[in-house]
Amino acid sequence: MKKVAFVTYNTLSSELASGWHDGPEGRRALLVQNTRGQRWGARENPDIPSGENRVTDESAGRVRDEISSLWEQLQAALPDLDHVVVYVGSRGSERAIMLVAAHLPADKVTFVSCDCGLLYKEVLVELAGLTRATRLLCECGGHRTMEKLYLNFMETGELR
């Protein structure tokens, strides 16, 4: 893979700006992330146990809006991408999975998901016809895992 997008309604790292990043051997990564300061997930306290990151209707709605906004940023690049890595957290997962299903084949997608509501997210992926998509578990918020995947891709060209 040469071009991969990393999409999250959180951030990968405060040191990584949104947009294209060039790596060795022609690798390119597109970071599409929340840069407006809202914080969802457990970045401030990574020791919060899974399931204690409470979802309210208001916060879920804000995340769905953020996901739609991020997806608009991603759409222009979709034809050029080899793969898309999408964080699916406890909020807004329906919207993220729906957008992926409408625009990408399962073999071009990796879902990175915390275990909050995991069974529900798995059912959504199956109903969307994306059972062949790669799925990885992560911590709540997905910050460390998404950053690790990005850094590994830039260094080696692999997503692991």
N, C-alpha and C. Protein backbone atom coordinates (compact mmCIF):
# COMPACT_ATOMS: atom_id res chain seq x y z
N MET A 1 0.83 -1.18 0.00
CA MET A 1 0.00 0.00 0.00
C MET A 1 0.88 1.25 0.00
N LYS A 2 0.45 2.20 -0.79
CA LYS A 2 1.21 3.45 -0.87
C LYS A 2 0.46 4.64 -0.29
N LYS A 3 -0.89 4.62 -0.38
CA LYS A 3 -1.67 5.75 0.12
C LYS A 3 -2.79 5.25 1.03
N VAL A 4 -2.74 5.70 2.29
CA VAL A 4 -3.71 5.27 3.29
C VAL A 4 -4.25 6.50 4.02
N ALA A 5 -5.56 6.50 4.26
CA ALA A 5 -6.17 7.56 5.07
C ALA A 5 -6.46 7.02 6.46
N PHE A 6 -6.30 7.86 7.45
CA PHE A 6 -6.61 7.56 8.84
C PHE A 6 -7.68 8.55 9.27
N VAL A 7 -8.87 8.04 9.60
CA VAL A 7 -10.01 8.89 9.88
C VAL A 7 -10.48 8.64 11.31
N THR A 8 -10.58 9.72 12.10
CA THR A 8 -11.06 9.61 13.46
C THR A 8 -11.73 10.89 13.89
N TYR A 9 -12.83 10.75 14.64
CA TYR A 9 -13.47 11.95 15.19
C TYR A 9 -12.73 12.45 16.42
N ASN A 10 -11.66 11.77 16.80
CA ASN A 10 -10.75 12.22 17.84
C ASN A 10 -9.49 12.74 17.14
N THR A 11 -8.35 12.67 17.78
CA THR A 11 -7.09 13.02 17.15
C THR A 11 -6.13 11.85 17.27
N LEU A 12 -5.20 11.77 16.32
CA LEU A 12 -4.16 10.76 16.42
C LEU A 12 -3.13 11.20 17.45
N SER A 13 -2.70 12.43 17.33
CA SER A 13 -1.67 12.98 18.20
C SER A 13 -1.71 14.49 18.08
N SER A 14 -1.40 15.17 19.16
CA SER A 14 -1.38 16.63 19.10
C SER A 14 -0.24 17.14 18.22
N GLU A 15 0.73 16.28 17.93
CA GLU A 15 1.85 16.69 17.09
C GLU A 15 1.61 16.46 15.61
N LEU A 16 0.55 15.75 15.25
CA LEU A 16 0.29 15.42 13.85
C LEU A 16 -0.86 16.27 13.31
N ALA A 17 -0.58 17.05 12.28
CA ALA A 17 -1.59 17.91 11.68
C ALA A 17 -2.45 17.10 10.71
N SER A 18 -3.67 17.55 10.52
CA SER A 18 -4.52 16.95 9.50
C SER A 18 -3.92 17.24 8.13
N GLY A 19 -4.23 16.39 7.17
CA GLY A 19 -3.75 16.58 5.80
C GLY A 19 -2.81 15.46 5.39
N TRP A 20 -2.16 15.66 4.25
CA TRP A 20 -1.26 14.65 3.70
C TRP A 20 0.10 14.70 4.39
N HIS A 21 0.68 13.52 4.61
CA HIS A 21 2.02 13.36 5.17
C HIS A 21 2.78 12.41 4.25
N ASP A 22 3.98 12.80 3.88
CA ASP A 22 4.81 11.97 3.00
C ASP A 22 5.82 11.18 3.80
N GLY A 23 5.98 9.92 3.43
CA GLY A 23 6.93 9.03 4.09
C GLY A 23 7.92 8.48 3.08
N PRO A 24 8.77 7.57 3.52
CA PRO A 24 9.76 6.98 2.63
C PRO A 24 9.10 6.08 1.58
N GLU A 25 9.83 5.85 0.51
CA GLU A 25 9.42 4.94 -0.56
C GLU A 25 8.06 5.29 -1.16
N GLY A 26 7.76 6.58 -1.20
CA GLY A 26 6.53 7.04 -1.85
C GLY A 26 5.26 6.84 -1.04
N ARG A 27 5.38 6.44 0.22
CA ARG A 27 4.18 6.26 1.04
C ARG A 27 3.59 7.62 1.40
N ARG A 28 2.25 7.67 1.38
CA ARG A 28 1.55 8.89 1.77
C ARG A 28 0.40 8.52 2.68
N ALA A 29 0.21 9.32 3.72
CA ALA A 29 -0.90 9.12 4.64
C ALA A 29 -1.72 10.41 4.70
N LEU A 30 -3.01 10.24 4.62
CA LEU A 30 -3.93 11.36 4.77
C LEU A 30 -4.56 11.25 6.16
N LEU A 31 -4.31 12.25 7.00
CA LEU A 31 -4.91 12.28 8.33
C LEU A 31 -6.14 13.16 8.30
N VAL A 32 -7.27 12.56 8.61
CA VAL A 32 -8.53 13.27 8.68
C VAL A 32 -9.01 13.09 10.11
N GLN A 33 -8.87 14.16 10.91
CA GLN A 33 -9.12 14.05 12.34
C GLN A 33 -9.78 15.30 12.87
N ASN A 34 -10.31 15.20 14.05
CA ASN A 34 -10.95 16.31 14.74
C ASN A 34 -9.87 17.30 15.16
N THR A 35 -9.97 18.51 14.66
CA THR A 35 -9.00 19.54 15.04
C THR A 35 -9.68 20.73 15.72
N ARG A 36 -10.94 20.54 16.12
CA ARG A 36 -11.69 21.66 16.69
C ARG A 36 -11.70 21.68 18.20
N GLY A 37 -10.95 20.81 18.82
CA GLY A 37 -10.81 20.89 20.27
C GLY A 37 -11.77 20.04 21.08
N GLN A 38 -12.86 19.52 20.46
CA GLN A 38 -13.72 18.63 21.25
C GLN A 38 -12.94 17.38 21.55
N ARG A 39 -13.18 16.82 22.73
CA ARG A 39 -12.47 15.62 23.13
C ARG A 39 -13.48 14.54 23.46
N TRP A 40 -13.42 13.46 22.72
CA TRP A 40 -14.24 12.30 23.01
C TRP A 40 -13.30 11.14 23.22
N GLY A 41 -13.65 10.26 24.09
CA GLY A 41 -12.76 9.14 24.38
C GLY A 41 -11.93 9.43 25.61
N ALA A 42 -10.96 8.59 25.86
CA ALA A 42 -10.27 8.61 27.13
C ALA A 42 -8.83 9.10 27.02
N ARG A 43 -8.53 10.01 26.11
CA ARG A 43 -7.15 10.46 25.96
C ARG A 43 -6.61 11.12 27.23
N GLU A 44 -7.43 11.93 27.89
CA GLU A 44 -6.95 12.61 29.08
C GLU A 44 -6.69 11.63 30.22
N ASN A 45 -7.42 10.54 30.26
CA ASN A 45 -7.22 9.54 31.31
C ASN A 45 -7.31 8.15 30.68
N PRO A 46 -6.20 7.64 30.15
CA PRO A 46 -6.23 6.35 29.47
C PRO A 46 -6.53 5.18 30.38
N ASP A 47 -6.60 5.40 31.70
CA ASP A 47 -6.88 4.32 32.63
C ASP A 47 -8.37 4.12 32.88
N ILE A 48 -9.22 4.92 32.21
CA ILE A 48 -10.66 4.74 32.37
C ILE A 48 -11.03 3.37 31.81
N PRO A 49 -11.70 2.53 32.60
CA PRO A 49 -12.08 1.20 32.10
C PRO A 49 -13.06 1.30 30.94
N SER A 50 -12.99 0.35 30.02
CA SER A 50 -13.92 0.31 28.91
C SER A 50 -15.34 0.29 29.45
N GLY A 51 -16.23 0.94 28.72
CA GLY A 51 -17.63 0.96 29.13
C GLY A 51 -17.97 2.10 30.06
N GLU A 52 -16.99 2.80 30.60
CA GLU A 52 -17.29 3.91 31.50
C GLU A 52 -17.24 5.24 30.77
N ASN A 53 -17.09 5.20 29.48
CA ASN A 53 -17.10 6.39 28.64
C ASN A 53 -18.55 6.58 28.18
N ARG A 54 -19.36 7.26 28.99
CA ARG A 54 -20.80 7.32 28.80
C ARG A 54 -21.19 8.10 27.54
N VAL A 55 -22.21 7.59 26.85
CA VAL A 55 -22.73 8.21 25.64
C VAL A 55 -24.06 8.88 25.97
N THR A 56 -24.19 10.15 25.60
CA THR A 56 -25.47 10.83 25.72
C THR A 56 -25.98 11.11 24.31
N ASP A 57 -27.27 11.37 24.16
CA ASP A 57 -27.82 11.69 22.86
C ASP A 57 -27.14 12.93 22.27
N GLU A 58 -26.88 13.91 23.13
CA GLU A 58 -26.24 15.14 22.67
C GLU A 58 -24.83 14.87 22.16
N SER A 59 -24.03 14.12 22.91
CA SER A 59 -22.65 13.86 22.48
C SER A 59 -22.64 12.98 21.24
N ALA A 60 -23.55 12.00 21.15
CA ALA A 60 -23.61 11.15 19.96
C ALA A 60 -23.96 11.98 18.73
N GLY A 61 -24.86 12.94 18.88
CA GLY A 61 -25.23 13.81 17.76
C GLY A 61 -24.06 14.67 17.31
N ARG A 62 -23.30 15.21 18.26
CA ARG A 62 -22.13 16.02 17.90
C ARG A 62 -21.09 15.17 17.17
N VAL A 63 -20.92 13.93 17.59
CA VAL A 63 -19.95 13.06 16.93
C VAL A 63 -20.43 12.71 15.53
N ARG A 64 -21.72 12.43 15.36
CA ARG A 64 -22.23 12.15 14.01
C ARG A 64 -21.97 13.33 13.08
N ASP A 65 -22.19 14.55 13.58
CA ASP A 65 -21.91 15.75 12.78
C ASP A 65 -20.42 15.84 12.44
N GLU A 66 -19.56 15.55 13.42
CA GLU A 66 -18.11 15.58 13.19
C GLU A 66 -17.71 14.55 12.14
N ILE A 67 -18.28 13.36 12.22
CA ILE A 67 -17.96 12.31 11.25
C ILE A 67 -18.38 12.74 9.86
N SER A 68 -19.55 13.34 9.71
CA SER A 68 -20.00 13.82 8.40
C SER A 68 -19.05 14.87 7.85
N SER A 69 -18.61 15.77 8.71
CA SER A 69 -17.67 16.81 8.29
C SER A 69 -16.33 16.20 7.85
N LEU A 70 -15.83 15.25 8.62
CA LEU A 70 -14.57 14.60 8.27
C LEU A 70 -14.71 13.83 6.97
N TRP A 71 -15.85 13.18 6.78
CA TRP A 71 -16.05 12.40 5.56
C TRP A 71 -16.03 13.30 4.33
N GLU A 72 -16.59 14.50 4.44
CA GLU A 72 -16.54 15.47 3.34
C GLU A 72 -15.09 15.77 2.97
N GLN A 73 -14.22 15.88 3.96
CA GLN A 73 -12.80 16.13 3.70
C GLN A 73 -12.15 14.95 2.98
N LEU A 74 -12.60 13.76 3.30
CA LEU A 74 -12.01 12.53 2.77
C LEU A 74 -12.46 12.22 1.34
N GLN A 75 -13.68 12.58 0.99
CA GLN A 75 -14.26 12.14 -0.27
C GLN A 75 -13.42 12.43 -1.51
N ALA A 76 -12.84 13.59 -1.60
CA ALA A 76 -12.05 13.93 -2.78
C ALA A 76 -10.85 13.00 -2.97
N ALA A 77 -10.32 12.49 -1.88
CA ALA A 77 -9.13 11.63 -1.95
C ALA A 77 -9.46 10.16 -2.16
N LEU A 78 -10.71 9.74 -1.96
CA LEU A 78 -11.07 8.32 -2.01
C LEU A 78 -10.58 7.59 -3.27
N PRO A 79 -10.71 8.15 -4.47
CA PRO A 79 -10.27 7.41 -5.66
C PRO A 79 -8.76 7.10 -5.68
N ASP A 80 -7.97 7.91 -4.96
CA ASP A 80 -6.52 7.73 -4.96
C ASP A 80 -6.01 6.85 -3.83
N LEU A 81 -6.87 6.47 -2.90
CA LEU A 81 -6.44 5.75 -1.71
C LEU A 81 -6.43 4.24 -1.93
N ASP A 82 -5.41 3.60 -1.35
CA ASP A 82 -5.34 2.14 -1.36
C ASP A 82 -6.12 1.54 -0.20
N HIS A 83 -6.24 2.29 0.91
CA HIS A 83 -6.88 1.76 2.10
C HIS A 83 -7.31 2.91 3.00
N VAL A 84 -8.34 2.66 3.81
CA VAL A 84 -8.82 3.65 4.77
C VAL A 84 -8.95 2.98 6.14
N VAL A 85 -8.36 3.60 7.15
CA VAL A 85 -8.45 3.14 8.54
C VAL A 85 -9.41 4.08 9.25
N VAL A 86 -10.48 3.52 9.83
CA VAL A 86 -11.54 4.33 10.43
C VAL A 86 -11.71 3.95 11.89
N TYR A 87 -11.62 4.95 12.78
CA TYR A 87 -11.91 4.71 14.19
C TYR A 87 -13.42 4.69 14.38
N VAL A 88 -13.91 3.65 15.06
CA VAL A 88 -15.33 3.50 15.35
C VAL A 88 -15.46 3.38 16.87
N GLY A 89 -15.84 4.48 17.49
CA GLY A 89 -15.94 4.50 18.94
C GLY A 89 -17.34 4.24 19.43
N SER A 90 -17.59 4.63 20.66
CA SER A 90 -18.89 4.39 21.28
C SER A 90 -19.93 5.39 20.80
N ARG A 91 -19.50 6.44 20.16
CA ARG A 91 -20.41 7.48 19.66
C ARG A 91 -20.29 7.57 18.15
N GLY A 92 -21.40 7.65 17.46
CA GLY A 92 -21.38 7.92 16.03
C GLY A 92 -20.97 6.75 15.15
N SER A 93 -20.88 5.56 15.70
CA SER A 93 -20.40 4.43 14.91
C SER A 93 -21.32 4.12 13.73
N GLU A 94 -22.63 4.32 13.93
CA GLU A 94 -23.56 4.04 12.83
C GLU A 94 -23.22 4.88 11.60
N ARG A 95 -22.98 6.16 11.82
CA ARG A 95 -22.70 7.08 10.72
C ARG A 95 -21.39 6.71 10.01
N ALA A 96 -20.36 6.42 10.76
CA ALA A 96 -19.07 6.06 10.16
C ALA A 96 -19.19 4.79 9.33
N ILE A 97 -19.85 3.78 9.86
CA ILE A 97 -19.99 2.51 9.15
C ILE A 97 -20.85 2.69 7.91
N MET A 98 -21.92 3.47 8.01
CA MET A 98 -22.79 3.73 6.86
C MET A 98 -22.02 4.42 5.73
N LEU A 99 -21.23 5.41 6.06
CA LEU A 99 -20.46 6.12 5.04
C LEU A 99 -19.42 5.21 4.38
N VAL A 100 -18.76 4.40 5.17
CA VAL A 100 -17.80 3.44 4.62
C VAL A 100 -18.51 2.49 3.66
N ALA A 101 -19.64 1.94 4.08
CA ALA A 101 -20.37 0.98 3.24
C ALA A 101 -20.82 1.59 1.92
N ALA A 102 -21.16 2.86 1.94
CA ALA A 102 -21.65 3.53 0.73
C ALA A 102 -20.53 3.86 -0.26
N HIS A 103 -19.28 3.89 0.20
CA HIS A 103 -18.20 4.39 -0.65
C HIS A 103 -17.01 3.46 -0.84
N LEU A 104 -16.88 2.43 -0.03
CA LEU A 104 -15.67 1.62 -0.09
C LEU A 104 -15.99 0.12 -0.03
N PRO A 105 -15.21 -0.68 -0.76
CA PRO A 105 -15.34 -2.13 -0.59
C PRO A 105 -14.67 -2.56 0.71
N ALA A 106 -15.14 -3.66 1.27
CA ALA A 106 -14.65 -4.13 2.57
C ALA A 106 -13.15 -4.36 2.59
N ASP A 107 -12.57 -4.81 1.49
CA ASP A 107 -11.13 -5.11 1.49
C ASP A 107 -10.25 -3.86 1.50
N LYS A 108 -10.84 -2.68 1.42
CA LYS A 108 -10.07 -1.43 1.48
C LYS A 108 -10.23 -0.73 2.83
N VAL A 109 -10.80 -1.45 3.83
CA VAL A 109 -11.15 -0.80 5.09
C VAL A 109 -10.60 -1.57 6.28
N THR A 110 -10.10 -0.82 7.26
CA THR A 110 -9.79 -1.35 8.58
C THR A 110 -10.57 -0.52 9.58
N PHE A 111 -11.40 -1.20 10.39
CA PHE A 111 -12.10 -0.54 11.48
C PHE A 111 -11.29 -0.73 12.75
N VAL A 112 -11.03 0.37 13.45
CA VAL A 112 -10.34 0.34 14.73
C VAL A 112 -11.40 0.71 15.76
N SER A 113 -11.65 -0.19 16.71
CA SER A 113 -12.77 -0.01 17.61
C SER A 113 -12.43 -0.37 19.04
N CYS A 114 -12.91 0.46 19.95
CA CYS A 114 -12.84 0.11 21.37
C CYS A 114 -13.91 -0.93 21.65
N ASP A 115 -13.88 -1.54 22.83
CA ASP A 115 -14.86 -2.58 23.11
C ASP A 115 -16.17 -2.04 23.71
N CYS A 116 -16.34 -0.73 23.76
CA CYS A 116 -17.60 -0.15 24.20
C CYS A 116 -18.66 -0.42 23.13
N GLY A 117 -19.67 -1.20 23.47
CA GLY A 117 -20.71 -1.52 22.50
C GLY A 117 -20.21 -2.34 21.34
N LEU A 118 -19.20 -3.16 21.57
CA LEU A 118 -18.56 -3.89 20.48
C LEU A 118 -19.52 -4.79 19.70
N LEU A 119 -20.37 -5.51 20.38
CA LEU A 119 -21.31 -6.38 19.68
C LEU A 119 -22.21 -5.58 18.74
N TYR A 120 -22.69 -4.44 19.19
CA TYR A 120 -23.52 -3.56 18.37
C TYR A 120 -22.75 -3.11 17.12
N LYS A 121 -21.51 -2.71 17.30
CA LYS A 121 -20.70 -2.28 16.16
C LYS A 121 -20.46 -3.43 15.19
N GLU A 122 -20.22 -4.61 15.71
CA GLU A 122 -20.02 -5.80 14.86
C GLU A 122 -21.27 -6.09 14.04
N VAL A 123 -22.43 -5.97 14.65
CA VAL A 123 -23.69 -6.19 13.92
C VAL A 123 -23.85 -5.14 12.82
N LEU A 124 -23.53 -3.90 13.12
CA LEU A 124 -23.61 -2.84 12.11
C LEU A 124 -22.69 -3.13 10.93
N VAL A 125 -21.48 -3.59 11.20
CA VAL A 125 -20.53 -3.93 10.13
C VAL A 125 -21.09 -5.06 9.28
N GLU A 126 -21.65 -6.08 9.92
CA GLU A 126 -22.23 -7.20 9.18
C GLU A 126 -23.42 -6.75 8.34
N LEU A 127 -24.33 -5.97 8.92
CA LEU A 127 -25.50 -5.49 8.19
C LEU A 127 -25.12 -4.60 7.01
N ALA A 128 -24.00 -3.92 7.12
CA ALA A 128 -23.52 -3.06 6.04
C ALA A 128 -22.80 -3.86 4.94
N GLY A 129 -22.66 -5.15 5.14
CA GLY A 129 -21.99 -5.98 4.14
C GLY A 129 -20.47 -5.86 4.16
N LEU A 130 -19.92 -5.50 5.31
CA LEU A 130 -18.48 -5.26 5.41
C LEU A 130 -17.77 -6.31 6.26
N THR A 131 -18.26 -7.52 6.28
CA THR A 131 -17.67 -8.55 7.14
C THR A 131 -16.23 -8.87 6.77
N ARG A 132 -15.83 -8.60 5.54
CA ARG A 132 -14.45 -8.87 5.13
C ARG A 132 -13.49 -7.74 5.51
N ALA A 133 -14.01 -6.66 6.06
CA ALA A 133 -13.15 -5.55 6.50
C ALA A 133 -12.31 -6.03 7.68
N THR A 134 -11.09 -5.54 7.74
CA THR A 134 -10.23 -5.84 8.89
C THR A 134 -10.76 -5.08 10.09
N ARG A 135 -10.73 -5.73 11.26
CA ARG A 135 -11.17 -5.09 12.49
C ARG A 135 -10.11 -5.28 13.57
N LEU A 136 -9.76 -4.16 14.22
CA LEU A 136 -8.76 -4.18 15.29
C LEU A 136 -9.36 -3.58 16.55
N LEU A 137 -9.05 -4.16 17.68
CA LEU A 137 -9.48 -3.60 18.96
C LEU A 137 -8.47 -2.57 19.45
N CYS A 138 -8.98 -1.57 20.19
CA CYS A 138 -8.11 -0.53 20.71
C CYS A 138 -8.63 -0.06 22.06
N GLU A 139 -7.91 0.87 22.65
CA GLU A 139 -8.33 1.51 23.89
C GLU A 139 -9.46 2.49 23.58
N CYS A 140 -10.22 2.89 24.62
CA CYS A 140 -11.27 3.89 24.43
C CYS A 140 -10.65 5.17 23.87
N GLY A 141 -11.24 5.69 22.85
CA GLY A 141 -10.75 6.90 22.19
C GLY A 141 -9.88 6.58 20.99
N GLY A 142 -9.17 5.46 21.01
CA GLY A 142 -8.38 5.01 19.88
C GLY A 142 -7.14 5.82 19.56
N HIS A 143 -6.81 6.79 20.37
CA HIS A 143 -5.70 7.70 20.06
C HIS A 143 -4.37 6.96 19.88
N ARG A 144 -4.00 6.18 20.86
CA ARG A 144 -2.69 5.50 20.80
C ARG A 144 -2.64 4.49 19.66
N THR A 145 -3.71 3.72 19.49
CA THR A 145 -3.71 2.70 18.44
C THR A 145 -3.68 3.33 17.06
N MET A 146 -4.47 4.36 16.84
CA MET A 146 -4.47 5.03 15.53
C MET A 146 -3.10 5.64 15.23
N GLU A 147 -2.50 6.28 16.24
CA GLU A 147 -1.17 6.85 16.04
C GLU A 147 -0.14 5.76 15.74
N LYS A 148 -0.21 4.65 16.46
CA LYS A 148 0.71 3.54 16.23
C LYS A 148 0.56 2.98 14.81
N LEU A 149 -0.69 2.81 14.36
CA LEU A 149 -0.93 2.32 12.99
C LEU A 149 -0.35 3.29 11.95
N TYR A 150 -0.58 4.58 12.18
CA TYR A 150 -0.04 5.60 11.28
C TYR A 150 1.49 5.54 11.23
N LEU A 151 2.12 5.55 12.40
CA LEU A 151 3.58 5.54 12.44
C LEU A 151 4.15 4.27 11.80
N ASN A 152 3.54 3.14 12.06
CA ASN A 152 4.01 1.89 11.47
C ASN A 152 3.83 1.89 9.95
N PHE A 153 2.71 2.41 9.48
CA PHE A 153 2.51 2.51 8.04
C PHE A 153 3.58 3.40 7.40
N MET A 154 3.82 4.53 8.01
CA MET A 154 4.82 5.45 7.44
C MET A 154 6.20 4.84 7.43
N GLU A 155 6.52 4.03 8.44
CA GLU A 155 7.85 3.42 8.54
C GLU A 155 7.99 2.18 7.65
N THR A 156 6.97 1.32 7.64
CA THR A 156 7.11 0.01 6.98
C THR A 156 6.17 -0.21 5.80
N GLY A 157 5.12 0.61 5.69
CA GLY A 157 4.13 0.39 4.64
C GLY A 157 3.07 -0.63 5.01
N GLU A 158 3.08 -1.08 6.26
CA GLU A 158 2.09 -2.07 6.71
C GLU A 158 1.19 -1.49 7.79
N LEU A 159 -0.02 -2.04 7.87
CA LEU A 159 -0.97 -1.63 8.90
C LEU A 159 -1.06 -2.73 9.94
N ARG A 160 -0.34 -2.57 11.01
CA ARG A 160 -0.39 -3.54 12.11
C ARG A 160 0.06 -2.88 13.39
